[in-house]
Amino acid sequence: MTPILIGPKGFVTCGVEQIYYESYGEGEPIVLCHGKGGNHAIWYQQIPNLAQSYRVITWDQRGFGRSTNVTMQSSPTVAVDDLFAIMDALDVERAHLVGQSMGGWAVLGAALQKPARVLSLTLANSIAGITTPEIALMYEHILAQRLVQQPVTHLSMEGHAVLAEQTVEENLTRAFLYEQIGKSHGPAPVTMSLLLKRTCFDSTEVAKLIVPTLFITGEFDIIFPPKMIQLAAACMQQAEVVEIPCADHSPYFETPQVWNTTLRNFLSRVSEA
């Protein structure tokens, strides 16, 4: 087996909970934080690529993958504490934090709480709790639309669209794998969508954060549309936005080569600054 694909894995104890992690490669640490439809295994298209140059850490939020949720306290706020617990257990003082959708709340929350421990932020298809009146209005409208109608042209994971029609048509095997990875744990905490909506970071506080930030979005994302992502990015001092064509809510899964290159280029610029 390629050496970069061999690394420590295990559990970090957080109270009565066991939080699962895996670590691959060497170099500056990158912590990948999954979304509501995934777990640590969802990053299989990123790890072999990124671990050639970085130490790549994946983990499961409470109630996802192999992590427990005995106390039923899984939430965006608790995820921040668990993220720091993993970094501490693995002797990671500072890291590049990457959050996909739900994972964006964890990484931005961590950056706001302890900015000195964050080398950079990547918010992938996520507003990450950034709130302005315009973003809040769009969020309400999108949620109302999703309650009424679910597009038949999208693969659905527990009631929300995640993959573009083109992805499903061109690679049904990959689309099926996405579904299977998401089903490898119990149902996501039923209150998570509501908790995400209620966990808001004031735009004035976000504006004070000085951390290089990349927003990645997909052209056809209907959960957090590109316009919504642009509004969130405008609240930050050092943010840039990359929109990936022909992708929906999961470009890291749908177009991994483009997504990986986009992330690598950003991380290189951060390291060179």
Protein backbone atom coordinates (compact mmCIF):
# COMPACT_ATOMS: atom_id res chain seq x y z
CA MET A 1 0.00 0.00 0.00
CA THR A 2 1.19 3.54 -0.75
CA PRO A 3 2.76 4.94 2.44
CA ILE A 4 0.60 8.08 2.38
CA LEU A 5 -2.49 5.90 2.70
CA ILE A 6 -1.27 4.39 5.95
CA GLY A 7 -1.86 6.49 9.02
CA PRO A 8 -3.22 6.57 12.56
CA LYS A 9 -6.92 6.24 13.15
CA GLY A 10 -8.98 5.86 16.26
CA PHE A 11 -11.24 7.64 18.70
CA VAL A 12 -10.95 10.73 20.86
CA THR A 13 -13.00 10.69 24.06
CA CYS A 14 -15.20 13.76 24.56
CA GLY A 15 -17.13 13.20 27.76
CA VAL A 16 -19.07 9.99 27.18
CA GLU A 17 -18.77 10.29 23.40
CA GLN A 18 -16.23 8.65 21.10
CA ILE A 19 -15.25 10.83 18.14
CA TYR A 20 -13.68 8.95 15.24
CA TYR A 21 -10.75 10.28 13.19
CA GLU A 22 -8.24 9.21 10.54
CA SER A 23 -4.93 10.84 9.59
CA TYR A 24 -2.86 10.46 6.42
CA GLY A 25 0.34 11.97 5.01
CA GLU A 26 2.76 14.52 6.37
CA GLY A 27 3.10 18.29 6.14
CA GLU A 28 0.88 21.20 7.10
CA PRO A 29 -2.33 19.77 8.58
CA ILE A 30 -5.65 19.96 6.75
CA VAL A 31 -8.78 18.97 8.66
CA LEU A 32 -11.70 17.97 6.43
CA CYS A 33 -15.15 18.37 8.02
CA HIS A 34 -18.00 16.54 6.28
CA GLY A 35 -21.54 17.66 5.53
CA LYS A 36 -24.91 16.32 6.63
CA GLY A 37 -24.97 13.67 3.92
CA GLY A 38 -21.51 12.29 4.60
CA ASN A 39 -18.90 11.13 7.10
CA HIS A 40 -15.12 10.65 7.10
CA ALA A 41 -15.31 8.21 4.18
CA ILE A 42 -16.87 10.79 1.85
CA TRP A 43 -13.43 12.34 1.33
CA TYR A 44 -11.98 9.29 -0.47
CA GLN A 45 -11.37 11.36 -3.63
CA GLN A 46 -9.44 14.02 -1.70
CA ILE A 47 -7.19 12.02 0.64
CA PRO A 48 -4.91 10.32 -1.95
CA ASN A 49 -4.41 13.66 -3.69
CA LEU A 50 -3.90 15.97 -0.73
CA ALA A 51 -1.92 13.52 1.43
CA GLN A 52 0.96 13.68 -1.06
CA SER A 53 1.75 17.16 0.28
CA TYR A 54 -0.20 17.61 3.51
CA ARG A 55 -1.22 15.82 6.65
CA VAL A 56 -4.91 15.14 6.00
CA ILE A 57 -7.23 14.54 8.94
CA THR A 58 -10.83 13.42 8.56
CA TRP A 59 -13.35 12.85 11.33
CA ASP A 60 -17.00 12.10 12.04
CA GLN A 61 -19.30 14.53 13.78
CA ARG A 62 -21.43 13.06 16.57
CA GLY A 63 -24.04 10.68 15.19
CA PHE A 64 -22.25 10.32 11.84
CA GLY A 65 -19.97 7.55 10.63
CA ARG A 66 -18.31 5.84 13.57
CA SER A 67 -18.76 8.63 16.13
CA THR A 68 -21.27 8.15 18.92
CA ASN A 69 -24.10 10.47 19.92
CA VAL A 70 -25.14 8.86 23.20
CA THR A 71 -26.17 12.14 24.80
CA MET A 72 -28.02 13.31 21.66
CA GLN A 73 -26.14 16.60 21.89
CA SER A 74 -24.86 16.69 18.30
CA SER A 75 -24.90 20.30 17.13
CA PRO A 76 -22.82 22.87 15.21
CA THR A 77 -21.61 24.31 18.53
CA VAL A 78 -20.56 20.95 19.97
CA ALA A 79 -18.79 20.16 16.69
CA VAL A 80 -16.42 23.07 17.33
CA ASP A 81 -15.39 21.58 20.67
CA ASP A 82 -14.96 18.12 19.11
CA LEU A 83 -12.84 19.57 16.31
CA PHE A 84 -10.46 21.17 18.79
CA ALA A 85 -10.40 17.94 20.82
CA ILE A 86 -9.20 16.04 17.75
CA MET A 87 -6.57 18.66 16.94
CA ASP A 88 -5.33 18.53 20.55
CA ALA A 89 -5.22 14.73 20.60
CA LEU A 90 -3.20 14.68 17.37
CA ASP A 91 -0.86 17.47 18.52
CA VAL A 92 -2.04 19.81 15.79
CA GLU A 93 -1.50 23.39 16.92
CA ARG A 94 -2.63 25.06 13.68
CA ALA A 95 -4.40 23.70 10.61
CA HIS A 96 -6.12 24.53 7.37
CA LEU A 97 -9.80 23.91 8.10
CA VAL A 98 -12.14 22.73 5.34
CA GLY A 99 -15.88 22.46 5.89
CA GLN A 100 -18.41 21.05 3.45
CA SER A 101 -21.95 22.41 3.95
CA MET A 102 -22.77 21.51 7.59
CA GLY A 103 -19.03 21.24 8.25
CA GLY A 104 -18.69 24.93 7.43
CA TRP A 105 -20.40 25.82 10.70
CA ALA A 106 -17.77 23.84 12.62
CA VAL A 107 -14.75 25.38 10.92
CA LEU A 108 -15.98 28.97 10.99
CA GLY A 109 -17.04 28.53 14.60
CA ALA A 110 -13.55 27.27 15.39
CA ALA A 111 -11.93 30.21 13.60
CA LEU A 112 -14.07 32.73 15.46
CA GLN A 113 -13.33 31.06 18.78
CA LYS A 114 -9.57 30.49 18.33
CA PRO A 115 -8.33 32.26 15.18
CA ALA A 116 -4.67 31.70 16.09
CA ARG A 117 -5.15 27.97 15.49
CA VAL A 118 -6.42 28.41 11.93
CA LEU A 119 -4.04 28.70 8.97
CA SER A 120 -6.89 29.13 6.48
CA LEU A 121 -10.58 28.44 5.99
CA THR A 122 -12.28 26.74 3.07
CA LEU A 123 -16.07 26.90 3.14
CA ALA A 124 -17.38 24.51 0.51
CA ASN A 125 -21.02 25.01 -0.49
CA SER A 126 -21.68 26.56 2.88
CA ILE A 127 -22.76 29.90 4.31
CA ALA A 128 -21.36 28.52 7.57
CA GLY A 129 -23.82 30.42 9.74
CA ILE A 130 -22.89 33.86 8.36
CA THR A 131 -26.03 35.94 8.65
CA THR A 132 -27.23 39.24 7.22
CA PRO A 133 -30.86 40.29 6.63
CA GLU A 134 -30.53 39.44 2.93
CA ILE A 135 -28.97 36.03 3.59
CA ALA A 136 -31.63 35.25 6.20
CA LEU A 137 -34.41 36.14 3.75
CA MET A 138 -32.91 33.93 1.05
CA TYR A 139 -32.49 31.08 3.55
CA GLU A 140 -36.16 31.26 4.55
CA HIS A 141 -37.23 31.30 0.92
CA ILE A 142 -35.05 28.31 0.00
CA LEU A 143 -36.27 26.27 2.97
CA ALA A 144 -39.89 27.05 2.09
CA GLN A 145 -39.33 25.95 -1.51
CA ARG A 146 -37.72 22.68 -0.44
CA LEU A 147 -40.72 21.86 1.74
CA VAL A 148 -43.04 22.29 -1.22
CA GLN A 149 -41.10 20.74 -4.07
CA GLN A 150 -38.10 18.46 -4.44
CA PRO A 151 -36.62 18.58 -7.97
CA VAL A 152 -36.79 15.18 -9.65
CA THR A 153 -33.61 15.96 -11.60
CA HIS A 154 -31.46 15.69 -8.48
CA LEU A 155 -30.40 12.72 -6.46
CA SER A 156 -31.81 13.14 -2.99
CA MET A 157 -30.15 12.35 0.31
CA GLU A 158 -32.63 12.43 3.19
CA GLY A 159 -34.73 15.09 1.54
CA HIS A 160 -32.14 17.49 0.13
CA ALA A 161 -30.55 17.74 -3.30
CA VAL A 162 -26.84 17.05 -3.40
CA LEU A 163 -25.75 15.96 -6.87
CA ALA A 164 -26.31 17.62 -10.23
CA GLU A 165 -28.42 15.86 -12.86
CA GLN A 166 -25.36 15.65 -15.12
CA THR A 167 -23.41 13.81 -12.42
CA VAL A 168 -26.18 11.27 -11.94
CA GLU A 169 -26.59 10.70 -15.69
CA GLU A 170 -22.87 10.45 -16.48
CA ASN A 171 -21.75 8.45 -13.45
CA LEU A 172 -24.58 6.56 -11.82
CA THR A 173 -22.08 4.39 -9.97
CA ARG A 174 -20.55 7.42 -8.23
CA ALA A 175 -24.03 8.75 -7.40
CA PHE A 176 -24.97 5.39 -5.91
CA LEU A 177 -21.77 5.36 -3.86
CA TYR A 178 -22.65 8.77 -2.42
CA GLU A 179 -25.95 7.34 -1.22
CA GLN A 180 -24.27 4.29 0.28
CA ILE A 181 -21.65 6.30 2.19
CA GLY A 182 -24.39 8.48 3.63
CA LYS A 183 -26.32 5.41 4.74
CA SER A 184 -23.34 3.87 6.54
CA HIS A 185 -24.44 5.50 9.76
CA GLY A 186 -27.79 6.04 11.41
CA PRO A 187 -30.05 8.88 10.29
CA ALA A 188 -28.58 12.33 10.80
CA PRO A 189 -29.81 13.96 14.01
CA VAL A 190 -33.36 15.00 13.19
CA THR A 191 -32.85 18.50 14.57
CA MET A 192 -29.62 19.22 12.70
CA SER A 193 -31.15 21.28 9.89
CA LEU A 194 -32.98 23.42 12.43
CA LEU A 195 -29.84 23.75 14.56
CA LEU A 196 -27.86 24.91 11.54
CA LYS A 197 -30.46 27.54 10.76
CA ARG A 198 -30.46 28.76 14.36
CA THR A 199 -26.67 28.81 14.72
CA CYS A 200 -25.81 32.22 13.35
CA PHE A 201 -22.61 34.23 13.36
CA ASP A 202 -23.14 37.96 13.26
CA SER A 203 -21.66 39.52 10.15
CA THR A 204 -19.93 42.23 12.19
CA GLU A 205 -18.03 39.58 14.16
CA VAL A 206 -17.20 37.67 11.00
CA ALA A 207 -15.86 40.86 9.44
CA LYS A 208 -13.28 41.15 12.22
CA LEU A 209 -11.82 37.74 11.39
CA ILE A 210 -8.49 37.96 9.56
CA VAL A 211 -7.99 34.50 8.10
CA PRO A 212 -7.45 33.66 4.41
CA THR A 213 -10.77 32.19 3.28
CA LEU A 214 -11.91 30.36 0.17
CA PHE A 215 -15.56 29.79 -0.66
CA ILE A 216 -16.17 27.01 -3.19
CA THR A 217 -19.62 26.65 -4.70
CA GLY A 218 -21.36 24.78 -7.50
CA GLU A 219 -23.12 26.40 -10.43
CA PHE A 220 -26.37 24.52 -9.76
CA ASP A 221 -26.40 24.41 -5.95
CA ILE A 222 -29.98 25.00 -4.83
CA ILE A 223 -29.28 24.54 -1.12
CA PHE A 224 -26.85 27.45 -0.84
CA PRO A 225 -26.98 29.09 -4.30
CA PRO A 226 -23.91 30.95 -5.62
CA LYS A 227 -25.56 34.33 -4.95
CA MET A 228 -25.96 33.37 -1.29
CA ILE A 229 -22.32 32.31 -1.13
CA GLN A 230 -21.24 35.62 -2.65
CA LEU A 231 -23.20 37.50 0.02
CA ALA A 232 -21.53 35.45 2.77
CA ALA A 233 -18.08 35.98 1.28
CA ALA A 234 -18.68 39.74 1.12
CA CYS A 235 -18.87 39.74 4.93
CA MET A 236 -15.26 38.57 5.28
CA GLN A 237 -12.04 40.54 4.93
CA GLN A 238 -9.91 38.00 3.08
CA ALA A 239 -12.37 35.89 1.12
CA GLU A 240 -12.45 34.71 -2.45
CA VAL A 241 -15.11 32.70 -4.27
CA VAL A 242 -14.70 29.99 -6.88
CA GLU A 243 -17.78 28.68 -8.67
CA ILE A 244 -17.36 25.25 -10.26
CA PRO A 245 -19.39 24.76 -13.46
CA CYS A 246 -21.87 21.89 -13.89
CA ALA A 247 -21.77 21.02 -10.18
CA ASP A 248 -24.47 21.10 -7.54
CA HIS A 249 -24.08 20.98 -3.75
CA SER A 250 -21.15 18.54 -3.74
CA PRO A 251 -18.41 19.59 -6.21
CA TYR A 252 -15.79 17.79 -4.07
CA PHE A 253 -17.64 14.57 -4.94
CA GLU A 254 -18.99 15.44 -8.40
CA THR A 255 -15.89 17.08 -9.89
CA PRO A 256 -13.07 16.06 -7.54
CA GLN A 257 -10.17 16.91 -9.84
CA VAL A 258 -11.36 20.49 -10.29
CA TRP A 259 -12.21 20.81 -6.59
CA ASN A 260 -8.86 19.39 -5.44
CA THR A 261 -6.93 21.67 -7.78
CA THR A 262 -8.94 24.68 -6.59
CA LEU A 263 -8.14 23.87 -2.97
CA ARG A 264 -4.47 23.11 -3.66
CA ASN A 265 -3.98 26.39 -5.51
CA PHE A 266 -5.54 28.31 -2.63
CA LEU A 267 -3.42 26.55 -0.01
CA SER A 268 -0.27 27.23 -2.04
CA ARG A 269 -1.09 30.93 -2.16
CA VAL A 270 -1.69 30.97 1.58
CA SER A 271 1.64 29.23 2.27
CA GLU A 272 3.51 31.62 0.00
CA ALA A 273 1.98 34.78 1.50
